[in-house]
């Protein structure tokens, strides 16, 4: 069995759900040979849901038998996708018919793989599924040093905003910019807007312009930066702001940091979360949330 390509991380979390112990052991050996180490195994849907509840981070891939006792693989997949909409799922079945293929496709499964399992076919399905999943890098971010710091330090409001972003992302790398219109209502109802700022990414440079800054942030800054560009701000501000935006735009991933910046000779300590919005062409808008610490 070949190891995974270097483009895929080795710390991916994979869950296998199959009532047959021999199949579970076979998949264990195959996945270990690929270099995967974070493996979860269950014999039925109940065990799988219990394992998922006990798992601290997101799943990166589910391999599930279609014909499970109590609840079939599609029911289990839908339950797990309710919690993690972008979860890639490969169903396993001894009978691959037009009906089962249609059911799997309708349920949003990434692939349907026939048993008995051939190592090369399993490898191709797993690699193809993971490489075609634009969301795995966002899940990888949660396990990074930065993501772990976010989980440990971020305010409840900041975590809630990330959850909204992640849910809206679905199976995409990031939510579309149009989703910000829906978020307008949510931030008005929740009070998010007082600590939010929105930065438009204007081509071709790109140039970054503030289109919205919450009143709590304006009060903290002491002046209104709406309508201004980041490259028009003072050098000290640009020195810590521009690399953060470049990272979000380049990687299309969230960015979290605890910051200590000097504004008007006053030390301004805060934590900041940046979330990208856009399409396949790239990041079009960055939503930021900053709170003093």
C-alpha atoms as a PDB file:
ATOM      1  CA  UNK A   1       0.000   0.000   0.000  1.00  0.00           C
ATOM      2  CA  UNK A   2       1.454   3.383  -1.000  1.00  0.00           C
ATOM      3  CA  UNK A   3       1.698   6.171   1.589  1.00  0.00           C
ATOM      4  CA  UNK A   4      -0.518   9.214   1.138  1.00  0.00           C
ATOM      5  CA  UNK A   5       0.842  11.977  -1.109  1.00  0.00           C
ATOM      6  CA  UNK A   6       2.887  14.688   0.612  1.00  0.00           C
ATOM      7  CA  UNK A   7       0.096  17.162  -0.160  1.00  0.00           C
ATOM      8  CA  UNK A   8      -2.121  15.460   2.447  1.00  0.00           C
ATOM      9  CA  UNK A   9      -1.387  15.652   6.199  1.00  0.00           C
ATOM     10  CA  UNK A  10      -0.867  12.446   8.197  1.00  0.00           C
ATOM     11  CA  UNK A  11      -2.873  13.565  11.231  1.00  0.00           C
ATOM     12  CA  UNK A  12      -6.244  13.231   9.481  1.00  0.00           C
ATOM     13  CA  UNK A  13      -8.957  11.619  11.616  1.00  0.00           C
ATOM     14  CA  UNK A  14     -10.705   8.739   9.850  1.00  0.00           C
ATOM     15  CA  UNK A  15     -13.693   6.791  11.215  1.00  0.00           C
ATOM     16  CA  UNK A  16     -14.497   3.274   9.981  1.00  0.00           C
ATOM     17  CA  UNK A  17     -17.952   1.818  10.665  1.00  0.00           C
ATOM     18  CA  UNK A  18     -18.484  -1.822   9.675  1.00  0.00           C
ATOM     19  CA  UNK A  19     -20.217  -4.707  11.501  1.00  0.00           C
ATOM     20  CA  UNK A  20     -17.663  -7.237  10.213  1.00  0.00           C
ATOM     21  CA  UNK A  21     -14.566  -7.499  12.431  1.00  0.00           C
ATOM     22  CA  UNK A  22     -12.480  -8.931   9.587  1.00  0.00           C
ATOM     23  CA  UNK A  23     -13.289  -5.898   7.408  1.00  0.00           C
ATOM     24  CA  UNK A  24     -12.434  -3.499  10.248  1.00  0.00           C
ATOM     25  CA  UNK A  25      -9.065  -5.226  10.770  1.00  0.00           C
ATOM     26  CA  UNK A  26      -8.366  -5.189   7.032  1.00  0.00           C
ATOM     27  CA  UNK A  27      -9.131  -1.471   6.817  1.00  0.00           C
ATOM     28  CA  UNK A  28      -6.982  -0.818   9.873  1.00  0.00           C
ATOM     29  CA  UNK A  29      -3.960  -2.404   8.173  1.00  0.00           C
ATOM     30  CA  UNK A  30      -4.594  -0.585   4.896  1.00  0.00           C
ATOM     31  CA  UNK A  31      -5.032   2.823   6.527  1.00  0.00           C
ATOM     32  CA  UNK A  32      -1.942   2.347   8.703  1.00  0.00           C
ATOM     33  CA  UNK A  33       0.053   1.430   5.595  1.00  0.00           C
ATOM     34  CA  UNK A  34      -1.069   4.742   4.042  1.00  0.00           C
ATOM     35  CA  UNK A  35       0.448   6.550   7.012  1.00  0.00           C
ATOM     36  CA  UNK A  36      -2.807   7.435   8.779  1.00  0.00           C
ATOM     37  CA  UNK A  37      -2.699   7.143  12.557  1.00  0.00           C
ATOM     38  CA  UNK A  38      -5.827   8.831  13.953  1.00  0.00           C
ATOM     39  CA  UNK A  39      -8.268   5.978  13.370  1.00  0.00           C
ATOM     40  CA  UNK A  40     -11.656   5.322  14.978  1.00  0.00           C
ATOM     41  CA  UNK A  41     -13.526   2.018  14.586  1.00  0.00           C
ATOM     42  CA  UNK A  42     -17.169   1.160  15.274  1.00  0.00           C
ATOM     43  CA  UNK A  43     -19.363  -1.863  14.544  1.00  0.00           C
ATOM     44  CA  UNK A  44     -22.665   0.020  14.222  1.00  0.00           C
ATOM     45  CA  UNK A  45     -24.240   3.472  14.103  1.00  0.00           C
ATOM     46  CA  UNK A  46     -24.693   3.754  17.877  1.00  0.00           C
ATOM     47  CA  UNK A  47     -21.010   3.085  18.532  1.00  0.00           C
ATOM     48  CA  UNK A  48     -20.078   5.525  15.774  1.00  0.00           C
ATOM     49  CA  UNK A  49     -22.194   8.329  17.238  1.00  0.00           C
ATOM     50  CA  UNK A  50     -20.749   7.696  20.713  1.00  0.00           C
ATOM     51  CA  UNK A  51     -17.218   7.833  19.310  1.00  0.00           C
ATOM     52  CA  UNK A  52     -17.999  11.049  17.441  1.00  0.00           C
ATOM     53  CA  UNK A  53     -19.364  12.644  20.616  1.00  0.00           C
ATOM     54  CA  UNK A  54     -16.164  11.735  22.470  1.00  0.00           C
ATOM     55  CA  UNK A  55     -13.901  12.986  19.677  1.00  0.00           C
ATOM     56  CA  UNK A  56     -12.553  16.470  20.438  1.00  0.00           C
ATOM     57  CA  UNK A  57     -11.843  17.555  16.866  1.00  0.00           C
ATOM     58  CA  UNK A  58     -13.564  17.208  13.495  1.00  0.00           C
ATOM     59  CA  UNK A  59     -13.560  14.071  11.360  1.00  0.00           C
ATOM     60  CA  UNK A  60     -11.766  14.197   8.022  1.00  0.00           C
ATOM     61  CA  UNK A  61     -13.251  11.078   6.445  1.00  0.00           C
ATOM     62  CA  UNK A  62     -15.942   8.472   7.167  1.00  0.00           C
ATOM     63  CA  UNK A  63     -15.786   4.963   5.702  1.00  0.00           C
ATOM     64  CA  UNK A  64     -19.118   3.287   6.446  1.00  0.00           C
ATOM     65  CA  UNK A  65     -20.822   0.053   5.426  1.00  0.00           C
ATOM     66  CA  UNK A  66     -24.122   0.726   3.701  1.00  0.00           C
ATOM     67  CA  UNK A  67     -25.879  -2.243   5.333  1.00  0.00           C
ATOM     68  CA  UNK A  68     -25.462  -1.539   9.059  1.00  0.00           C
ATOM     69  CA  UNK A  69     -27.626  -3.077  11.800  1.00  0.00           C
ATOM     70  CA  UNK A  70     -30.312  -0.801  13.283  1.00  0.00           C
ATOM     71  CA  UNK A  71     -29.501   2.211  11.084  1.00  0.00           C
ATOM     72  CA  UNK A  72     -27.963   1.912   7.622  1.00  0.00           C
ATOM     73  CA  UNK A  73     -24.876   3.792   6.488  1.00  0.00           C
ATOM     74  CA  UNK A  74     -26.830   6.540   4.739  1.00  0.00           C
ATOM     75  CA  UNK A  75     -28.839   7.330   7.891  1.00  0.00           C
ATOM     76  CA  UNK A  76     -25.598   7.447   9.900  1.00  0.00           C
ATOM     77  CA  UNK A  77     -23.967   9.644   7.265  1.00  0.00           C
ATOM     78  CA  UNK A  78     -26.865  12.115   7.362  1.00  0.00           C
ATOM     79  CA  UNK A  79     -26.702  12.279  11.171  1.00  0.00           C
ATOM     80  CA  UNK A  80     -22.963  13.024  11.085  1.00  0.00           C
ATOM     81  CA  UNK A  81     -23.385  15.546   8.268  1.00  0.00           C
ATOM     82  CA  UNK A  82     -25.941  17.419  10.381  1.00  0.00           C
ATOM     83  CA  UNK A  83     -23.152  18.178  12.837  1.00  0.00           C
ATOM     84  CA  UNK A  84     -20.367  18.484  10.242  1.00  0.00           C
ATOM     85  CA  UNK A  85     -21.892  19.399   6.857  1.00  0.00           C
ATOM     86  CA  UNK A  86     -18.680  19.145   4.864  1.00  0.00           C
ATOM     87  CA  UNK A  87     -17.661  15.682   6.110  1.00  0.00           C
ATOM     88  CA  UNK A  88     -16.434  13.533   3.166  1.00  0.00           C
ATOM     89  CA  UNK A  89     -18.040  10.061   3.253  1.00  0.00           C
ATOM     90  CA  UNK A  90     -17.225   6.877   1.337  1.00  0.00           C
ATOM     91  CA  UNK A  91     -19.847   4.139   1.585  1.00  0.00           C
ATOM     92  CA  UNK A  92     -18.897   0.459   1.350  1.00  0.00           C
ATOM     93  CA  UNK A  93     -21.256  -2.168  -0.026  1.00  0.00           C
ATOM     94  CA  UNK A  94     -21.199  -5.735  -1.346  1.00  0.00           C
ATOM     95  CA  UNK A  95     -23.939  -4.741  -3.780  1.00  0.00           C
ATOM     96  CA  UNK A  96     -23.231  -1.737  -5.969  1.00  0.00           C
ATOM     97  CA  UNK A  97     -26.289  -1.248  -8.120  1.00  0.00           C
ATOM     98  CA  UNK A  98     -27.829   1.726  -9.897  1.00  0.00           C
ATOM     99  CA  UNK A  99     -30.195   2.063  -6.925  1.00  0.00           C
ATOM    100  CA  UNK A 100     -27.436   2.140  -4.291  1.00  0.00           C
ATOM    101  CA  UNK A 101     -25.364   4.546  -6.383  1.00  0.00           C
ATOM    102  CA  UNK A 102     -28.383   6.865  -6.761  1.00  0.00           C
ATOM    103  CA  UNK A 103     -29.075   6.716  -3.008  1.00  0.00           C
ATOM    104  CA  UNK A 104     -25.470   7.527  -2.163  1.00  0.00           C
ATOM    105  CA  UNK A 105     -25.367  10.409  -4.643  1.00  0.00           C
ATOM    106  CA  UNK A 106     -28.663  11.820  -3.389  1.00  0.00           C
ATOM    107  CA  UNK A 107     -27.365  11.707   0.194  1.00  0.00           C
ATOM    108  CA  UNK A 108     -24.241  13.657  -0.790  1.00  0.00           C
ATOM    109  CA  UNK A 109     -21.739  10.824  -0.389  1.00  0.00           C
ATOM    110  CA  UNK A 110     -18.325  11.304  -1.961  1.00  0.00           C
ATOM    111  CA  UNK A 111     -18.115   7.743  -3.317  1.00  0.00           C
ATOM    112  CA  UNK A 112     -19.535   4.219  -3.138  1.00  0.00           C
ATOM    113  CA  UNK A 113     -16.905   1.473  -2.996  1.00  0.00           C
ATOM    114  CA  UNK A 114     -17.583  -2.193  -3.761  1.00  0.00           C
ATOM    115  CA  UNK A 115     -16.534  -5.045  -1.483  1.00  0.00           C
ATOM    116  CA  UNK A 116     -14.344  -7.040  -1.320  1.00  0.00           C
ATOM    117  CA  UNK A 117     -11.947  -4.114  -0.995  1.00  0.00           C
ATOM    118  CA  UNK A 118      -9.027  -3.884  -3.402  1.00  0.00           C
ATOM    119  CA  UNK A 119      -6.059  -1.941  -1.902  1.00  0.00           C
ATOM    120  CA  UNK A 120      -5.396   0.127  -5.035  1.00  0.00           C
ATOM    121  CA  UNK A 121      -9.054   1.030  -5.438  1.00  0.00           C
ATOM    122  CA  UNK A 122      -9.369   2.002  -1.766  1.00  0.00           C
ATOM    123  CA  UNK A 123      -6.234   4.137  -2.025  1.00  0.00           C
ATOM    124  CA  UNK A 124      -7.503   5.965  -5.115  1.00  0.00           C
ATOM    125  CA  UNK A 125     -10.918   6.605  -3.549  1.00  0.00           C
ATOM    126  CA  UNK A 126      -9.450   7.954  -0.307  1.00  0.00           C
ATOM    127  CA  UNK A 127      -6.828  10.165  -1.953  1.00  0.00           C
ATOM    128  CA  UNK A 128      -9.282  11.414  -4.577  1.00  0.00           C
ATOM    129  CA  UNK A 129     -11.924  12.160  -1.943  1.00  0.00           C
ATOM    130  CA  UNK A 130      -9.540  14.027   0.354  1.00  0.00           C
ATOM    131  CA  UNK A 131      -7.845  15.999  -2.409  1.00  0.00           C
ATOM    132  CA  UNK A 132     -11.238  16.940  -3.819  1.00  0.00           C
ATOM    133  CA  UNK A 133     -12.477  18.135  -0.425  1.00  0.00           C
ATOM    134  CA  UNK A 134     -11.824  21.886  -0.112  1.00  0.00           C
ATOM    135  CA  UNK A 135     -12.817  21.846   3.536  1.00  0.00           C
ATOM    136  CA  UNK A 136     -10.153  19.556   4.977  1.00  0.00           C
ATOM    137  CA  UNK A 137      -7.671  22.438   5.307  1.00  0.00           C
ATOM    138  CA  UNK A 138     -10.143  24.350   7.472  1.00  0.00           C
ATOM    139  CA  UNK A 139     -10.493  21.283   9.706  1.00  0.00           C
ATOM    140  CA  UNK A 140      -6.707  20.949   9.747  1.00  0.00           C
ATOM    141  CA  UNK A 141      -6.503  24.565  10.946  1.00  0.00           C
ATOM    142  CA  UNK A 142      -8.510  23.638  14.056  1.00  0.00           C
ATOM    143  CA  UNK A 143      -5.786  21.147  15.007  1.00  0.00           C
ATOM    144  CA  UNK A 144      -2.925  23.555  14.351  1.00  0.00           C
ATOM    145  CA  UNK A 145      -1.192  25.527  17.099  1.00  0.00           C
ATOM    146  CA  UNK A 146      -3.193  28.593  16.077  1.00  0.00           C
ATOM    147  CA  UNK A 147      -6.494  26.686  16.028  1.00  0.00           C
ATOM    148  CA  UNK A 148      -5.826  25.148  19.435  1.00  0.00           C
ATOM    149  CA  UNK A 149      -5.055  28.607  20.825  1.00  0.00           C
ATOM    150  CA  UNK A 150      -8.338  29.842  19.369  1.00  0.00           C
ATOM    151  CA  UNK A 151     -10.236  26.975  21.033  1.00  0.00           C
ATOM    152  CA  UNK A 152      -8.597  27.691  24.388  1.00  0.00           C
ATOM    153  CA  UNK A 153      -8.642  31.495  24.453  1.00  0.00           C
ATOM    154  CA  UNK A 154     -11.384  32.858  22.211  1.00  0.00           C
ATOM    155  CA  UNK A 155     -14.482  34.461  23.700  1.00  0.00           C
ATOM    156  CA  UNK A 156     -17.830  32.616  23.406  1.00  0.00           C
ATOM    157  CA  UNK A 157     -19.023  35.241  20.895  1.00  0.00           C
ATOM    158  CA  UNK A 158     -15.927  34.693  18.758  1.00  0.00           C
ATOM    159  CA  UNK A 159     -16.411  30.907  18.808  1.00  0.00           C
ATOM    160  CA  UNK A 160     -20.083  31.346  17.886  1.00  0.00           C
ATOM    161  CA  UNK A 161     -19.107  33.511  14.921  1.00  0.00           C
ATOM    162  CA  UNK A 162     -16.636  30.858  13.748  1.00  0.00           C
ATOM    163  CA  UNK A 163     -19.386  28.210  14.034  1.00  0.00           C
ATOM    164  CA  UNK A 164     -21.675  30.340  11.830  1.00  0.00           C
ATOM    165  CA  UNK A 165     -18.857  30.717   9.272  1.00  0.00           C
ATOM    166  CA  UNK A 166     -18.062  26.995   9.337  1.00  0.00           C
ATOM    167  CA  UNK A 167     -21.724  25.988   8.933  1.00  0.00           C
ATOM    168  CA  UNK A 168     -22.154  28.393   6.017  1.00  0.00           C
ATOM    169  CA  UNK A 169     -18.995  26.993   4.403  1.00  0.00           C
ATOM    170  CA  UNK A 170     -20.585  23.549   4.044  1.00  0.00           C
ATOM    171  CA  UNK A 171     -18.490  21.559   1.577  1.00  0.00           C
ATOM    172  CA  UNK A 172     -16.678  24.632   0.231  1.00  0.00           C
ATOM    173  CA  UNK A 173     -13.357  26.112   1.290  1.00  0.00           C
ATOM    174  CA  UNK A 174     -15.166  29.226   2.572  1.00  0.00           C
ATOM    175  CA  UNK A 175     -18.668  30.724   2.479  1.00  0.00           C
ATOM    176  CA  UNK A 176     -19.701  32.924  -0.470  1.00  0.00           C
ATOM    177  CA  UNK A 177     -19.573  36.674   0.032  1.00  0.00           C
ATOM    178  CA  UNK A 178     -23.380  36.834  -0.375  1.00  0.00           C
ATOM    179  CA  UNK A 179     -23.711  35.066   2.985  1.00  0.00           C
ATOM    180  CA  UNK A 180     -22.668  38.305   4.680  1.00  0.00           C
ATOM    181  CA  UNK A 181     -26.110  39.695   3.829  1.00  0.00           C
ATOM    182  CA  UNK A 182     -27.704  36.908   5.887  1.00  0.00           C
ATOM    183  CA  UNK A 183     -25.178  37.508   8.641  1.00  0.00           C
ATOM    184  CA  UNK A 184     -26.270  41.155   8.778  1.00  0.00           C
ATOM    185  CA  UNK A 185     -29.513  40.098  10.478  1.00  0.00           C
ATOM    186  CA  UNK A 186     -27.735  37.716  12.838  1.00  0.00           C
ATOM    187  CA  UNK A 187     -25.196  40.262  13.960  1.00  0.00           C
ATOM    188  CA  UNK A 188     -27.950  42.833  14.550  1.00  0.00           C
ATOM    189  CA  UNK A 189     -29.886  40.388  16.724  1.00  0.00           C
ATOM    190  CA  UNK A 190     -26.863  39.024  18.594  1.00  0.00           C
ATOM    191  CA  UNK A 191     -24.816  42.141  19.181  1.00  0.00           C
ATOM    192  CA  UNK A 192     -21.914  40.769  17.118  1.00  0.00           C
ATOM    193  CA  UNK A 193     -21.856  43.987  15.115  1.00  0.00           C
ATOM    194  CA  UNK A 194     -20.312  46.080  17.890  1.00  0.00           C
ATOM    195  CA  UNK A 195     -17.008  44.200  17.619  1.00  0.00           C
ATOM    196  CA  UNK A 196     -17.068  43.251  13.932  1.00  0.00           C
ATOM    197  CA  UNK A 197     -15.237  44.851  11.035  1.00  0.00           C
ATOM    198  CA  UNK A 198     -15.520  43.997   7.332  1.00  0.00           C
ATOM    199  CA  UNK A 199     -12.670  44.425   4.867  1.00  0.00           C
ATOM    200  CA  UNK A 200     -13.287  44.352   1.106  1.00  0.00           C
ATOM    201  CA  UNK A 201     -10.546  42.801  -1.026  1.00  0.00           C
ATOM    202  CA  UNK A 202     -10.339  45.040  -4.095  1.00  0.00           C
ATOM    203  CA  UNK A 203      -8.396  43.837  -7.156  1.00  0.00           C
ATOM    204  CA  UNK A 204      -5.982  43.917  -8.771  1.00  0.00           C
ATOM    205  CA  UNK A 205      -3.323  44.574  -6.104  1.00  0.00           C
ATOM    206  CA  UNK A 206      -5.330  43.557  -3.974  1.00  0.00           C
ATOM    207  CA  UNK A 207      -6.147  46.619  -1.918  1.00  0.00           C
ATOM    208  CA  UNK A 208      -7.979  46.290   1.397  1.00  0.00           C
ATOM    209  CA  UNK A 209     -10.762  48.705   2.347  1.00  0.00           C
ATOM    210  CA  UNK A 210     -12.848  48.876   5.525  1.00  0.00           C
ATOM    211  CA  UNK A 211     -16.541  48.838   4.619  1.00  0.00           C
ATOM    212  CA  UNK A 212     -17.892  48.397   8.163  1.00  0.00           C
ATOM    213  CA  UNK A 213     -16.516  48.886  11.663  1.00  0.00           C
ATOM    214  CA  UNK A 214     -18.619  48.215  14.751  1.00  0.00           C
ATOM    215  CA  UNK A 215     -19.215  51.060  17.181  1.00  0.00           C
ATOM    216  CA  UNK A 216     -17.339  49.311  20.017  1.00  0.00           C
ATOM    217  CA  UNK A 217     -14.217  49.164  17.853  1.00  0.00           C
ATOM    218  CA  UNK A 218     -14.646  52.746  16.666  1.00  0.00           C
ATOM    219  CA  UNK A 219     -14.907  53.893  20.259  1.00  0.00           C
ATOM    220  CA  UNK A 220     -11.759  51.956  21.143  1.00  0.00           C
ATOM    221  CA  UNK A 221      -9.831  53.371  18.179  1.00  0.00           C
ATOM    222  CA  UNK A 222     -11.097  56.892  18.741  1.00  0.00           C
ATOM    223  CA  UNK A 223     -11.770  57.513  15.064  1.00  0.00           C
ATOM    224  CA  UNK A 224     -13.784  56.077  12.180  1.00  0.00           C
ATOM    225  CA  UNK A 225     -11.828  54.114   9.572  1.00  0.00           C
ATOM    226  CA  UNK A 226     -14.831  53.103   7.427  1.00  0.00           C
ATOM    227  CA  UNK A 227     -14.135  53.741   3.763  1.00  0.00           C
ATOM    228  CA  UNK A 228     -10.371  53.962   4.292  1.00  0.00           C
ATOM    229  CA  UNK A 229      -7.711  51.557   3.051  1.00  0.00           C
ATOM    230  CA  UNK A 230      -5.336  49.597   5.249  1.00  0.00           C
ATOM    231  CA  UNK A 231      -2.357  50.879   3.262  1.00  0.00           C
ATOM    232  CA  UNK A 232      -3.410  54.405   4.300  1.00  0.00           C
ATOM    233  CA  UNK A 233      -3.008  53.601   8.004  1.00  0.00           C
ATOM    234  CA  UNK A 234       0.166  54.304   9.956  1.00  0.00           C
ATOM    235  CA  UNK A 235       3.209  52.092   9.523  1.00  0.00           C
ATOM    236  CA  UNK A 236       2.918  50.431  12.944  1.00  0.00           C
ATOM    237  CA  UNK A 237      -0.646  49.310  12.203  1.00  0.00           C
ATOM    238  CA  UNK A 238       0.216  48.060   8.713  1.00  0.00           C
ATOM    239  CA  UNK A 239       3.181  46.097  10.042  1.00  0.00           C
ATOM    240  CA  UNK A 240       0.989  43.716  12.035  1.00  0.00           C
ATOM    241  CA  UNK A 241      -2.225  43.931   9.945  1.00  0.00           C
ATOM    242  CA  UNK A 242      -1.028  43.356   6.383  1.00  0.00           C
ATOM    243  CA  UNK A 243       0.716  39.976   6.974  1.00  0.00           C
ATOM    244  CA  UNK A 244      -2.440  38.658   8.676  1.00  0.00           C
ATOM    245  CA  UNK A 245      -4.651  39.613   5.733  1.00  0.00           C
ATOM    246  CA  UNK A 246      -2.105  38.248   3.258  1.00  0.00           C
ATOM    247  CA  UNK A 247      -2.231  34.926   5.081  1.00  0.00           C
ATOM    248  CA  UNK A 248      -6.050  34.760   5.037  1.00  0.00           C
ATOM    249  CA  UNK A 249      -6.215  35.731   1.357  1.00  0.00           C
ATOM    250  CA  UNK A 250      -3.409  33.387   0.319  1.00  0.00           C
ATOM    251  CA  UNK A 251      -4.511  30.315   2.278  1.00  0.00           C
ATOM    252  CA  UNK A 252      -8.300  30.940   2.401  1.00  0.00           C
ATOM    253  CA  UNK A 253      -8.257  29.941   6.064  1.00  0.00           C
ATOM    254  CA  UNK A 254      -9.282  31.642   9.314  1.00  0.00           C
ATOM    255  CA  UNK A 255      -6.608  33.474  11.265  1.00  0.00           C
ATOM    256  CA  UNK A 256      -6.573  33.967  15.038  1.00  0.00           C
ATOM    257  CA  UNK A 257      -4.097  35.916  17.122  1.00  0.00           C
ATOM    258  CA  UNK A 258      -3.697  37.644  20.432  1.00  0.00           C
ATOM    259  CA  UNK A 259      -2.326  41.074  19.559  1.00  0.00           C
ATOM    260  CA  UNK A 260      -0.572  43.831  21.433  1.00  0.00           C
ATOM    261  CA  UNK A 261      -0.452  46.953  19.239  1.00  0.00           C
ATOM    262  CA  UNK A 262       0.348  50.584  19.890  1.00  0.00           C
ATOM    263  CA  UNK A 263      -2.285  53.092  18.773  1.00  0.00           C
ATOM    264  CA  UNK A 264      -1.739  56.795  19.567  1.00  0.00           C
ATOM    265  CA  UNK A 265       0.958  55.752  22.045  1.00  0.00           C
ATOM    266  CA  UNK A 266      -1.520  53.537  23.947  1.00  0.00           C
ATOM    267  CA  UNK A 267      -0.895  49.792  24.199  1.00  0.00           C
ATOM    268  CA  UNK A 268      -3.986  48.126  22.717  1.00  0.00           C
ATOM    269  CA  UNK A 269      -4.221  44.443  23.696  1.00  0.00           C
ATOM    270  CA  UNK A 270      -6.900  42.382  22.007  1.00  0.00           C
ATOM    271  CA  UNK A 271      -7.679  39.065  20.359  1.00  0.00           C
ATOM    272  CA  UNK A 272      -8.650  39.006  16.714  1.00  0.00           C
ATOM    273  CA  UNK A 273     -10.297  36.481  14.405  1.00  0.00           C
ATOM    274  CA  UNK A 274     -10.290  36.911  10.622  1.00  0.00           C
ATOM    275  CA  UNK A 275     -12.664  34.831   8.450  1.00  0.00           C
ATOM    276  CA  UNK A 276     -12.497  34.667   4.613  1.00  0.00           C
ATOM    277  CA  UNK A 277     -15.514  34.869   2.286  1.00  0.00           C
ATOM    278  CA  UNK A 278     -15.440  34.373  -1.480  1.00  0.00           C
ATOM    279  CA  UNK A 279     -15.618  31.826  -4.264  1.00  0.00           C
ATOM    280  CA  UNK A 280     -13.359  29.591  -6.327  1.00  0.00           C
ATOM    281  CA  UNK A 281     -11.666  32.701  -7.680  1.00  0.00           C
ATOM    282  CA  UNK A 282     -10.383  33.698  -4.256  1.00  0.00           C
ATOM    283  CA  UNK A 283     -11.148  35.725  -1.138  1.00  0.00           C
ATOM    284  CA  UNK A 284     -13.416  38.712  -1.800  1.00  0.00           C
ATOM    285  CA  UNK A 285     -14.193  39.847   1.746  1.00  0.00           C
ATOM    286  CA  UNK A 286     -12.652  39.319   5.186  1.00  0.00           C
ATOM    287  CA  UNK A 287     -14.844  39.439   8.266  1.00  0.00           C
ATOM    288  CA  UNK A 288     -12.973  40.346  11.416  1.00  0.00           C
ATOM    289  CA  UNK A 289     -13.895  40.215  15.088  1.00  0.00           C
ATOM    290  CA  UNK A 290     -11.760  41.887  17.748  1.00  0.00           C
ATOM    291  CA  UNK A 291     -12.193  42.060  21.518  1.00  0.00           C
ATOM    292  CA  UNK A 292      -9.930  43.623  24.168  1.00  0.00           C
ATOM    293  CA  UNK A 293      -8.074  41.196  26.408  1.00  0.00           C
END
